Amino acid sequence: MEQFDLAAGTKLVVKENVLAVICDNGLKTESSAFYHGGHNQLRAVLNVGVPEGYNDRSLHLDPLELITSSAAKLGLTKDYLAMVTAAKIQNYSLVTKKLEDFSVAVAATAGCKHGESSGEEMDVQEIHGTINIIVFVDADPSDSCMVASLITATEAKSAALLDFDVRSLYTGDSATGSITDSVTVASPGRGKAINYGGPASKLGKAVGYCTRKAVTEALVKQEPFWAYRTVLDRLRERHLPLEKLAAEVSKVEGLAVDAALLESILKNKPLALVYLLAAAKMDDDIKKNLLPPDIGDAEEIAKWFGSFATSKPSRSKTISYDAVNLPPFVKHALIRIVSEALRKK
């Protein structure tokens, strides 16, 4: 069992599949947790990990059995709230920040294989990944301040995902979270009175910093691949897998390639990969109609952009390749890359 003192009478405890913030004199909480969420006065905040091999059907039919049996490991039978995660509790991150008149501690667990972009259409078949965040404020924030702090922590979580360029499993858009995330703000309700928790406030800046760092660290612990993805991985996450890229570019006469050949072409051309990733980012803006107006006609610029992906850039080509169903910047960059590679064979 691990144990850390967060403040007088308040500790963070990690035991088996449970991470908990426990206060001897009670905590006021604001939470989106499944169990006892909302606004409450409780003794503990729990983040419960689903043990490996735990029956998924049992979890969804009776989640309280897992919660209550896990709480019992810490001697808790009442006065607690609980969040549930598929991430391993041992991969948590704890980040603290102490200021002259209050302190903040954020404990997070994170997995985001099932990223989503809030506001998009989702057809959920199964769930992988959850980001759970506990924000402890050693002060006396008002009720509205706690709500503001919860919002600030949520923004910081999304910012951490943007840093990693995590994409939605459903559309390939930038992910803002995963579909089962929870955030809890807890305070012993003593010490300095605080009324503001927005991102520009003194408290909000501390909450944002700690949350962003904690989510970043926890995500890499749980799913290290986020820090080591290839360009081809990041294109696939945008719903542009090698198979689709190969099939579309093969529609151009003389450019017939399969996924294996296309992969070998790209893996030997680091500069080409740089152009493809840059092209994908430009296409992100086109998809949302956010391309800066001073760039001009997107299709024409995409053609010229593609020419720079080869050793002999040219603006003389004006073919649109309408049959190729790819975003414009990726399309023209990829056609020029493959064309040059096959010409040299």
Protein backbone atom coordinates (compact mmCIF):
# COMPACT_ATOMS: atom_id res chain seq x y z
CA MET A 1 0.00 0.00 0.00
CA GLU A 2 1.19 3.52 -0.85
CA GLN A 3 0.24 6.53 1.23
CA PHE A 4 0.96 10.26 0.89
CA ASP A 5 -0.05 13.17 3.08
CA LEU A 6 -1.82 15.85 1.04
CA ALA A 7 -2.72 18.15 3.94
CA ALA A 8 -3.36 17.95 7.68
CA GLY A 9 -5.79 15.06 8.17
CA THR A 10 -5.95 14.26 4.44
CA LYS A 11 -4.04 11.49 2.66
CA LEU A 12 -3.87 9.78 -0.70
CA VAL A 13 -3.91 5.99 -0.44
CA VAL A 14 -3.26 3.44 -3.18
CA LYS A 15 -4.05 -0.20 -2.45
CA GLU A 16 -4.51 -2.92 -5.07
CA ASN A 17 -7.16 -1.59 -7.49
CA VAL A 18 -8.17 1.47 -5.45
CA LEU A 19 -6.82 5.01 -5.31
CA ALA A 20 -8.46 7.19 -2.67
CA VAL A 21 -8.28 10.64 -1.13
CA ILE A 22 -9.43 10.27 2.46
CA CYS A 23 -10.02 13.11 4.95
CA ASP A 24 -10.52 12.52 8.66
CA ASN A 25 -12.87 15.51 8.99
CA GLY A 26 -14.73 15.09 5.72
CA LEU A 27 -14.62 16.63 2.26
CA LYS A 28 -17.05 18.73 0.32
CA THR A 29 -17.13 17.41 -3.22
CA GLU A 30 -18.31 18.36 -6.68
CA SER A 31 -18.22 15.38 -8.99
CA SER A 32 -19.41 13.70 -12.17
CA ALA A 33 -18.79 10.30 -10.56
CA PHE A 34 -21.22 7.45 -11.20
CA TYR A 35 -21.55 6.64 -7.49
CA HIS A 36 -22.52 9.53 -5.18
CA GLY A 37 -21.55 12.20 -7.69
CA GLY A 38 -22.94 15.72 -7.65
CA HIS A 39 -22.51 18.03 -4.66
CA ASN A 40 -21.88 16.16 -1.41
CA GLN A 41 -20.20 16.09 1.99
CA LEU A 42 -18.22 12.84 2.21
CA ARG A 43 -15.19 11.29 3.83
CA ALA A 44 -13.44 9.88 0.77
CA VAL A 45 -13.08 10.05 -3.01
CA LEU A 46 -12.32 6.73 -4.73
CA ASN A 47 -10.99 5.85 -8.16
CA VAL A 48 -11.65 2.12 -8.60
CA GLY A 49 -9.80 0.11 -11.22
CA VAL A 50 -11.52 -2.82 -12.91
CA PRO A 51 -9.34 -5.88 -12.18
CA GLU A 52 -7.98 -7.86 -15.12
CA GLY A 53 -10.31 -10.70 -16.03
CA TYR A 54 -13.29 -9.07 -14.31
CA ASN A 55 -16.40 -10.04 -16.20
CA ASP A 56 -17.57 -7.10 -18.32
CA ARG A 57 -21.18 -8.23 -18.14
CA SER A 58 -21.01 -8.44 -14.35
CA LEU A 59 -19.56 -4.92 -14.20
CA HIS A 60 -22.41 -3.41 -16.21
CA LEU A 61 -25.16 -5.43 -14.52
CA ASP A 62 -23.92 -4.73 -10.99
CA PRO A 63 -21.19 -2.04 -10.82
CA LEU A 64 -21.92 -1.48 -7.12
CA GLU A 65 -20.51 -4.91 -6.25
CA LEU A 66 -17.10 -3.89 -7.57
CA ILE A 67 -17.30 -0.47 -5.92
CA THR A 68 -18.34 -1.69 -2.47
CA SER A 69 -15.92 -4.62 -2.40
CA SER A 70 -13.08 -2.31 -3.46
CA ALA A 71 -13.99 0.34 -0.86
CA ALA A 72 -13.96 -2.36 1.82
CA LYS A 73 -10.24 -2.90 1.14
CA LEU A 74 -9.69 0.54 2.69
CA GLY A 75 -12.16 -0.03 5.51
CA LEU A 76 -14.78 2.21 3.90
CA THR A 77 -18.45 1.25 4.06
CA LYS A 78 -20.15 4.64 3.65
CA ASP A 79 -19.62 8.35 3.01
CA TYR A 80 -17.59 8.03 -0.17
CA LEU A 81 -17.99 8.60 -3.89
CA ALA A 82 -16.47 6.36 -6.54
CA MET A 83 -15.33 6.62 -10.12
CA VAL A 84 -14.51 3.48 -12.13
CA THR A 85 -11.73 3.02 -14.66
CA ALA A 86 -10.30 0.30 -16.90
CA ALA A 87 -6.84 1.87 -16.51
CA LYS A 88 -4.46 0.30 -14.02
CA ILE A 89 -4.51 2.25 -10.77
CA GLN A 90 -0.75 1.72 -10.42
CA ASN A 91 -0.27 3.89 -13.52
CA TYR A 92 -1.63 6.95 -11.74
CA SER A 93 0.14 10.29 -11.61
CA LEU A 94 0.11 12.69 -8.67
CA VAL A 95 1.05 16.34 -9.26
CA THR A 96 1.03 18.96 -6.51
CA LYS A 97 1.49 22.71 -6.35
CA LYS A 98 1.81 24.70 -3.15
CA LEU A 99 1.16 28.42 -3.05
CA GLU A 100 1.49 30.81 -0.12
CA ASP A 101 -2.11 30.46 1.07
CA PHE A 102 -3.38 27.16 -0.39
CA SER A 103 -2.24 24.04 -2.21
CA VAL A 104 -3.56 21.84 -5.01
CA ALA A 105 -3.00 18.14 -5.64
CA VAL A 106 -4.25 16.27 -8.70
CA ALA A 107 -4.30 12.48 -9.04
CA ALA A 108 -5.16 11.09 -12.47
CA THR A 109 -5.44 7.76 -14.25
CA ALA A 110 -5.77 7.81 -18.01
CA GLY A 111 -6.42 5.67 -21.05
CA CYS A 112 -7.66 7.04 -24.36
CA LYS A 113 -7.84 4.24 -26.91
CA HIS A 114 -11.50 5.20 -27.32
CA GLY A 115 -11.10 8.95 -27.84
CA GLU A 116 -14.06 11.10 -28.81
CA SER A 117 -14.65 14.67 -29.91
CA SER A 118 -17.52 16.20 -28.01
CA GLY A 119 -20.45 17.11 -30.27
CA GLU A 120 -19.84 14.49 -32.94
CA GLU A 121 -22.03 11.53 -33.85
CA MET A 122 -20.98 8.33 -32.08
CA ASP A 123 -21.98 4.73 -32.58
CA VAL A 124 -20.56 3.13 -29.45
CA GLN A 125 -20.03 -0.62 -29.68
CA GLU A 126 -17.53 -1.09 -26.86
CA ILE A 127 -15.56 1.05 -24.44
CA HIS A 128 -11.79 1.23 -24.11
CA GLY A 129 -10.14 3.91 -22.02
CA THR A 130 -11.18 6.29 -19.27
CA ILE A 131 -9.61 9.45 -17.84
CA ASN A 132 -10.44 9.97 -14.18
CA ILE A 133 -9.23 13.03 -12.30
CA ILE A 134 -9.31 13.90 -8.59
CA VAL A 135 -8.56 17.56 -7.78
CA PHE A 136 -7.87 18.23 -4.09
CA VAL A 137 -7.88 21.89 -3.00
CA ASP A 138 -6.55 22.55 0.50
CA ALA A 139 -8.60 25.70 1.08
CA ASP A 140 -12.24 26.76 1.34
CA PRO A 141 -13.55 27.25 -2.22
CA SER A 142 -17.15 28.36 -2.68
CA ASP A 143 -19.61 26.04 -4.41
CA SER A 144 -19.40 28.00 -7.65
CA CYS A 145 -15.60 27.99 -7.40
CA MET A 146 -15.61 24.21 -7.18
CA VAL A 147 -17.77 23.97 -10.30
CA ALA A 148 -15.42 26.37 -12.09
CA SER A 149 -12.44 24.30 -10.97
CA LEU A 150 -14.09 21.15 -12.35
CA ILE A 151 -14.51 22.91 -15.69
CA THR A 152 -10.90 24.11 -15.62
CA ALA A 153 -9.66 20.59 -14.93
CA THR A 154 -11.74 19.30 -17.85
CA GLU A 155 -10.23 21.93 -20.16
CA ALA A 156 -6.74 20.94 -18.99
CA LYS A 157 -7.49 17.28 -19.72
CA SER A 158 -8.54 18.16 -23.26
CA ALA A 159 -5.41 20.30 -23.66
CA ALA A 160 -3.24 17.30 -22.73
CA LEU A 161 -4.94 15.25 -25.43
CA LEU A 162 -4.36 18.02 -27.97
CA ASP A 163 -0.68 18.01 -27.02
CA PHE A 164 -0.54 14.34 -28.03
CA ASP A 165 -2.70 14.87 -31.13
CA VAL A 166 -5.10 12.18 -29.87
CA ARG A 167 -7.89 11.65 -32.39
CA SER A 168 -11.51 10.56 -32.13
CA LEU A 169 -12.08 6.89 -32.82
CA TYR A 170 -15.33 7.82 -34.60
CA THR A 171 -14.40 10.67 -36.96
CA GLY A 172 -10.64 11.20 -36.72
CA ASP A 173 -11.18 14.72 -35.35
CA SER A 174 -9.14 16.02 -32.41
CA ALA A 175 -10.22 14.15 -29.28
CA THR A 176 -11.51 16.08 -26.28
CA GLY A 177 -11.73 13.04 -23.98
CA SER A 178 -13.00 9.48 -23.84
CA ILE A 179 -16.68 8.69 -23.40
CA THR A 180 -16.53 7.56 -19.76
CA ASP A 181 -14.31 10.23 -18.14
CA SER A 182 -15.01 11.55 -14.64
CA VAL A 183 -13.73 14.54 -12.66
CA THR A 184 -14.03 15.21 -8.94
CA VAL A 185 -13.06 18.35 -7.04
CA ALA A 186 -12.71 17.89 -3.28
CA SER A 187 -11.87 20.25 -0.44
CA PRO A 188 -11.81 20.06 3.38
CA GLY A 189 -13.61 23.43 3.41
CA ARG A 190 -11.17 25.18 5.69
CA GLY A 191 -8.49 27.85 5.38
CA LYS A 192 -8.47 30.55 2.74
CA ALA A 193 -11.83 31.35 1.17
CA ILE A 194 -11.64 31.23 -2.64
CA ASN A 195 -14.35 32.41 -5.01
CA TYR A 196 -12.80 31.93 -8.46
CA GLY A 197 -11.62 28.75 -10.14
CA GLY A 198 -11.54 29.71 -13.82
CA PRO A 199 -8.35 29.15 -15.84
CA ALA A 200 -7.09 32.74 -15.35
CA SER A 201 -7.62 32.76 -11.57
CA LYS A 202 -4.89 31.95 -9.07
CA LEU A 203 -6.56 28.66 -8.15
CA GLY A 204 -7.47 27.86 -11.74
CA LYS A 205 -3.90 28.26 -12.95
CA ALA A 206 -2.73 25.77 -10.32
CA VAL A 207 -5.56 23.33 -11.12
CA GLY A 208 -4.90 23.61 -14.85
CA TYR A 209 -1.15 23.08 -14.48
CA CYS A 210 -1.47 20.08 -12.16
CA THR A 211 -4.25 18.44 -14.19
CA ARG A 212 -2.55 18.84 -17.56
CA LYS A 213 0.70 17.40 -16.23
CA ALA A 214 -1.00 14.57 -14.32
CA VAL A 215 -3.09 13.47 -17.33
CA THR A 216 -0.02 13.62 -19.58
CA GLU A 217 2.05 11.47 -17.23
CA ALA A 218 -0.74 8.99 -16.53
CA LEU A 219 -1.56 8.55 -20.22
CA VAL A 220 2.06 7.72 -21.09
CA LYS A 221 2.29 5.29 -18.17
CA GLN A 222 -0.89 3.47 -19.20
CA GLU A 223 -0.47 3.66 -22.98
CA PRO A 224 3.17 4.49 -23.83
CA PHE A 225 2.51 4.38 -27.56
CA TRP A 226 0.99 7.90 -27.50
CA ALA A 227 4.51 9.30 -27.21
CA TYR A 228 5.98 7.11 -29.97
CA ARG A 229 3.43 6.98 -32.79
CA THR A 230 4.67 7.09 -36.36
CA VAL A 231 3.36 9.37 -39.07
CA LEU A 232 1.50 6.37 -40.51
CA ASP A 233 -0.09 5.78 -37.09
CA ARG A 234 -1.25 9.39 -36.97
CA LEU A 235 -2.67 9.21 -40.49
CA ARG A 236 -4.53 6.01 -39.57
CA GLU A 237 -6.01 7.77 -36.53
CA ARG A 238 -7.36 10.38 -38.97
CA HIS A 239 -9.12 7.51 -40.79
CA LEU A 240 -6.43 7.44 -43.48
CA PRO A 241 -4.92 3.93 -43.13
CA LEU A 242 -2.29 2.68 -45.57
CA GLU A 243 -4.83 0.45 -47.30
CA LYS A 244 -7.06 3.42 -48.14
CA LEU A 245 -4.14 5.61 -49.21
CA ALA A 246 -2.84 2.86 -51.52
CA ALA A 247 -6.27 2.14 -53.02
CA GLU A 248 -6.95 5.80 -53.76
CA VAL A 249 -3.57 6.71 -55.22
CA SER A 250 -3.78 3.59 -57.42
CA LYS A 251 -6.70 5.25 -59.24
CA VAL A 252 -4.13 7.44 -60.97
CA GLU A 253 -2.85 5.83 -64.16
CA GLY A 254 0.61 4.35 -63.67
CA LEU A 255 0.55 4.60 -59.85
CA ALA A 256 -0.73 1.13 -58.90
CA VAL A 257 0.57 0.28 -55.41
CA ASP A 258 -0.58 -1.94 -52.59
CA ALA A 259 -0.28 -1.13 -48.89
CA ALA A 260 3.03 -2.99 -48.50
CA LEU A 261 4.69 -1.17 -51.40
CA LEU A 262 3.36 2.20 -50.26
CA GLU A 263 4.69 1.56 -46.76
CA SER A 264 8.15 0.74 -48.10
CA ILE A 265 8.15 3.92 -50.21
CA LEU A 266 7.19 6.13 -47.27
CA LYS A 267 9.42 4.52 -44.66
CA ASN A 268 12.47 5.33 -46.75
CA LYS A 269 11.48 8.98 -47.18
CA PRO A 270 11.48 10.88 -43.87
CA LEU A 271 10.92 14.19 -45.68
CA ALA A 272 7.91 12.72 -47.47
CA LEU A 273 6.48 11.70 -44.10
CA VAL A 274 6.96 15.26 -42.84
CA TYR A 275 5.01 16.55 -45.84
CA LEU A 276 2.21 14.06 -45.33
CA LEU A 277 1.79 14.99 -41.67
CA ALA A 278 1.84 18.69 -42.54
CA ALA A 279 -0.69 17.98 -45.30
CA ALA A 280 -2.96 16.17 -42.83
CA LYS A 281 -2.88 19.16 -40.50
CA MET A 282 -3.83 21.49 -43.36
CA ASP A 283 -6.67 19.15 -44.26
CA ASP A 284 -7.87 19.30 -40.64
CA ASP A 285 -8.49 23.03 -41.16
CA ILE A 286 -10.16 22.51 -44.54
CA LYS A 287 -12.54 19.96 -43.00
CA LYS A 288 -13.73 22.59 -40.51
CA ASN A 289 -13.66 25.47 -43.02
CA LEU A 290 -10.87 27.11 -41.01
CA LEU A 291 -8.25 27.52 -43.71
CA PRO A 292 -6.96 31.13 -43.48
CA PRO A 293 -8.53 33.25 -46.23
CA ASP A 294 -5.20 34.74 -47.31
CA ILE A 295 -4.09 31.29 -48.52
CA GLY A 296 -6.54 31.50 -51.40
CA ASP A 297 -8.10 28.60 -53.28
CA ALA A 298 -7.51 25.46 -51.22
CA GLU A 299 -7.49 23.04 -54.15
CA GLU A 300 -4.95 25.05 -56.13
CA ILE A 301 -2.70 25.55 -53.11
CA ALA A 302 -2.94 21.82 -52.37
CA LYS A 303 -1.65 21.03 -55.87
CA TRP A 304 1.34 23.35 -55.42
CA PHE A 305 1.95 22.03 -51.91
CA GLY A 306 2.10 18.48 -53.28
CA SER A 307 4.81 19.42 -55.73
CA PHE A 308 7.14 20.37 -52.86
CA ALA A 309 6.96 16.82 -51.50
CA THR A 310 9.39 15.71 -54.23
CA SER A 311 12.96 16.55 -55.07
CA LYS A 312 11.91 18.62 -58.09
CA PRO A 313 9.05 20.89 -57.04
CA SER A 314 6.98 22.43 -59.80
CA ARG A 315 3.91 24.59 -60.14
CA SER A 316 3.21 23.54 -63.68
CA LYS A 317 0.92 20.62 -62.83
CA THR A 318 -2.75 21.56 -62.58
CA ILE A 319 -4.38 18.12 -62.67
CA SER A 320 -7.08 17.79 -60.01
CA TYR A 321 -7.30 13.96 -59.84
CA ASP A 322 -11.01 14.10 -59.00
CA ALA A 323 -11.31 10.30 -58.85
CA VAL A 324 -8.94 10.15 -55.88
CA ASN A 325 -11.07 10.34 -52.73
CA LEU A 326 -8.60 11.81 -50.27
CA PRO A 327 -8.36 15.19 -48.54
CA PRO A 328 -6.73 17.63 -51.00
CA PHE A 329 -3.38 18.30 -49.32
CA VAL A 330 -2.75 14.63 -48.53
CA LYS A 331 -3.95 13.64 -52.00
CA HIS A 332 -1.59 15.83 -53.98
CA ALA A 333 1.40 15.26 -51.69
CA LEU A 334 0.91 11.48 -51.84
CA ILE A 335 0.48 11.39 -55.63
CA ARG A 336 3.75 13.27 -56.16
CA ILE A 337 5.63 11.12 -53.64
CA VAL A 338 4.47 7.85 -55.20
CA SER A 339 4.95 9.14 -58.75
CA GLU A 340 8.56 10.05 -58.10
CA ALA A 341 9.30 6.80 -56.27
CA LEU A 342 7.90 4.62 -59.05
CA ARG A 343 9.66 6.65 -61.74
CA LYS A 344 13.01 5.93 -60.08
CA LYS A 345 12.44 2.17 -59.96
